[in-house]
């Protein structure tokens, strides 16, 4: 099943990420790139990882804009001021998109427990846990897709899930 193709010819300029608590992160991250062989390397893929035991949010609200890619280049303008003015004009015309991505309900509790348990067995400053949960957000023509992966530093059964992304 295919839920959307990756973004070609534009980038995702992430403005804010809002947590269920209301806390907002002003982000300023832009994701871009070309078509890759699988979802881990897809255009618009960004990942998040927490090295502690705070748990996983129920959802995240994203706000972003989609400028063309590649964007304006400073070398194409006679001055920094002209470049800044062109960028400001370009961005002022872009629509801000929003989407809530549900997370916690889409990752099996036993997978979350495995990652947390693995982290609890590593003393602070003594290296990485054997297992960690990686969360991926993939920007597509149809919005943000979500994938998760239980990463292992030693051989273990691979566990992953989330949206299908071509």
Protein backbone atom coordinates (compact mmCIF):
# COMPACT_ATOMS: atom_id res chain seq x y z
CA UNK A 1 0.00 0.00 0.00
CA UNK A 2 1.32 3.44 -0.90
CA UNK A 3 0.25 6.49 1.12
CA UNK A 4 2.08 9.12 -0.89
CA UNK A 5 5.12 9.95 -2.90
CA UNK A 6 8.04 11.95 -1.65
CA UNK A 7 8.38 15.66 -2.35
CA UNK A 8 10.23 16.48 -5.56
CA UNK A 9 11.43 19.99 -6.35
CA UNK A 10 10.65 21.59 -2.99
CA UNK A 11 11.73 21.46 0.65
CA UNK A 12 9.93 21.47 4.00
CA UNK A 13 10.84 24.47 6.14
CA UNK A 14 9.66 23.41 9.61
CA UNK A 15 8.52 26.45 11.59
CA UNK A 16 7.26 24.94 14.86
CA UNK A 17 6.54 21.64 16.55
CA UNK A 18 3.93 21.69 19.33
CA UNK A 19 3.68 19.00 22.03
CA UNK A 20 0.45 17.91 23.78
CA UNK A 21 1.57 19.94 26.83
CA UNK A 22 1.39 23.09 24.69
CA UNK A 23 5.17 23.48 24.65
CA UNK A 24 6.31 24.76 21.27
CA UNK A 25 9.70 24.35 19.69
CA UNK A 26 10.65 27.03 17.20
CA UNK A 27 12.53 24.81 14.87
CA UNK A 28 14.08 26.35 11.76
CA UNK A 29 14.91 22.91 10.31
CA UNK A 30 14.64 22.41 6.57
CA UNK A 31 14.55 18.95 5.01
CA UNK A 32 15.36 18.44 1.32
CA UNK A 33 16.94 15.91 -0.99
CA UNK A 34 16.43 13.56 -3.93
CA UNK A 35 14.59 10.25 -4.37
CA UNK A 36 16.24 7.47 -2.38
CA UNK A 37 15.86 3.66 -2.40
CA UNK A 38 13.75 3.32 0.78
CA UNK A 39 11.81 5.33 3.37
CA UNK A 40 14.81 5.75 5.70
CA UNK A 41 16.49 7.81 2.98
CA UNK A 42 13.38 9.36 1.42
CA UNK A 43 13.19 12.99 0.44
CA UNK A 44 12.00 14.95 3.45
CA UNK A 45 12.92 12.36 6.08
CA UNK A 46 13.93 13.66 9.47
CA UNK A 47 14.31 11.63 12.63
CA UNK A 48 14.04 12.19 16.33
CA UNK A 49 15.56 10.34 19.24
CA UNK A 50 15.42 10.75 22.98
CA UNK A 51 18.14 9.21 25.11
CA UNK A 52 16.10 9.15 28.29
CA UNK A 53 12.96 7.58 29.74
CA UNK A 54 10.46 10.45 29.40
CA UNK A 55 8.33 8.39 27.09
CA UNK A 56 6.68 9.20 23.80
CA UNK A 57 4.23 12.03 23.15
CA UNK A 58 0.68 11.16 22.14
CA UNK A 59 1.07 13.41 19.11
CA UNK A 60 3.03 16.32 17.66
CA UNK A 61 1.62 19.26 15.69
CA UNK A 62 3.88 20.43 12.88
CA UNK A 63 3.78 23.77 11.07
CA UNK A 64 5.81 24.09 7.89
CA UNK A 65 6.12 25.82 4.54
CA UNK A 66 7.27 24.30 1.27
CA UNK A 67 9.63 26.54 -0.70
CA UNK A 68 11.07 25.37 -4.02
CA UNK A 69 14.26 23.33 -3.93
CA UNK A 70 16.94 24.22 -4.57
CA UNK A 71 16.22 27.66 -3.19
CA UNK A 72 17.61 31.09 -3.88
CA UNK A 73 21.39 31.39 -3.82
CA UNK A 74 23.18 34.37 -2.30
CA UNK A 75 25.73 34.43 -5.12
CA UNK A 76 22.93 35.28 -7.57
CA UNK A 77 22.28 38.65 -5.87
CA UNK A 78 24.35 41.84 -5.91
CA UNK A 79 24.26 42.25 -2.11
CA UNK A 80 23.29 40.56 1.15
CA UNK A 81 20.43 43.06 1.42
CA UNK A 82 19.05 42.13 -2.03
CA UNK A 83 19.28 38.43 -1.17
CA UNK A 84 17.53 38.92 2.20
CA UNK A 85 14.77 40.94 0.55
CA UNK A 86 14.19 38.25 -2.11
CA UNK A 87 14.07 35.48 0.51
CA UNK A 88 11.63 37.49 2.67
CA UNK A 89 9.36 38.12 -0.33
CA UNK A 90 9.47 34.46 -1.37
CA UNK A 91 8.64 33.17 2.11
CA UNK A 92 5.91 35.75 2.73
CA UNK A 93 3.94 34.28 -0.21
CA UNK A 94 4.12 30.68 1.00
CA UNK A 95 1.17 28.99 2.71
CA UNK A 96 1.82 27.60 6.19
CA UNK A 97 0.72 23.97 6.40
CA UNK A 98 -0.19 22.17 9.62
CA UNK A 99 -0.63 18.52 10.54
CA UNK A 100 -1.02 16.54 13.76
CA UNK A 101 0.94 13.29 13.72
CA UNK A 102 -0.21 10.66 16.22
CA UNK A 103 2.74 8.75 17.65
CA UNK A 104 2.26 6.88 20.94
CA UNK A 105 -0.84 4.94 19.88
CA UNK A 106 0.98 3.72 16.77
CA UNK A 107 3.97 2.12 18.51
CA UNK A 108 3.34 -1.16 20.34
CA UNK A 109 3.80 -0.67 24.13
CA UNK A 110 6.14 -3.67 24.33
CA UNK A 111 8.51 -1.98 21.83
CA UNK A 112 8.59 1.20 23.91
CA UNK A 113 9.17 -0.91 27.03
CA UNK A 114 12.11 -2.73 25.37
CA UNK A 115 13.79 0.58 24.51
CA UNK A 116 13.23 2.04 27.99
CA UNK A 117 14.43 -1.13 29.74
CA UNK A 118 17.56 -1.20 27.61
CA UNK A 119 18.32 2.42 28.53
CA UNK A 120 17.85 1.73 32.25
CA UNK A 121 20.66 -0.84 32.14
CA UNK A 122 23.27 1.67 30.97
CA UNK A 123 24.84 3.94 33.55
CA UNK A 124 25.09 7.61 32.65
CA UNK A 125 28.16 8.27 30.55
CA UNK A 126 28.83 4.56 30.00
CA UNK A 127 27.82 4.21 26.35
CA UNK A 128 24.67 3.59 24.40
CA UNK A 129 21.88 1.14 25.19
CA UNK A 130 21.61 -2.08 23.18
CA UNK A 131 18.19 -0.98 21.90
CA UNK A 132 16.79 2.42 21.06
CA UNK A 133 13.57 3.56 19.45
CA UNK A 134 13.98 5.74 16.38
CA UNK A 135 11.08 7.81 15.12
CA UNK A 136 11.02 9.13 11.56
CA UNK A 137 8.86 11.86 10.03
CA UNK A 138 8.72 11.80 6.24
CA UNK A 139 7.36 14.76 4.30
CA UNK A 140 5.42 13.63 1.21
CA UNK A 141 3.08 15.17 -1.34
CA UNK A 142 0.24 13.90 0.89
CA UNK A 143 1.58 15.35 4.16
CA UNK A 144 3.75 13.91 6.92
CA UNK A 145 4.14 10.16 7.20
CA UNK A 146 5.44 8.43 10.31
CA UNK A 147 7.70 5.39 10.78
CA UNK A 148 9.35 3.84 13.83
CA UNK A 149 12.24 1.41 14.17
CA UNK A 150 13.63 -0.44 17.20
CA UNK A 151 17.36 -0.11 16.54
CA UNK A 152 19.73 -2.68 18.01
CA UNK A 153 23.49 -2.34 18.46
CA UNK A 154 23.74 -6.16 18.80
CA UNK A 155 21.85 -8.78 16.74
CA UNK A 156 18.15 -8.84 17.59
CA UNK A 157 14.77 -9.25 15.93
CA UNK A 158 14.07 -6.20 13.76
CA UNK A 159 10.88 -4.39 14.69
CA UNK A 160 9.48 -1.50 12.72
CA UNK A 161 6.15 -0.05 11.70
CA UNK A 162 4.16 3.01 10.72
CA UNK A 163 2.97 4.39 7.40
CA UNK A 164 3.98 2.83 4.09
CA UNK A 165 6.19 5.19 2.11
CA UNK A 166 7.47 4.44 -1.38
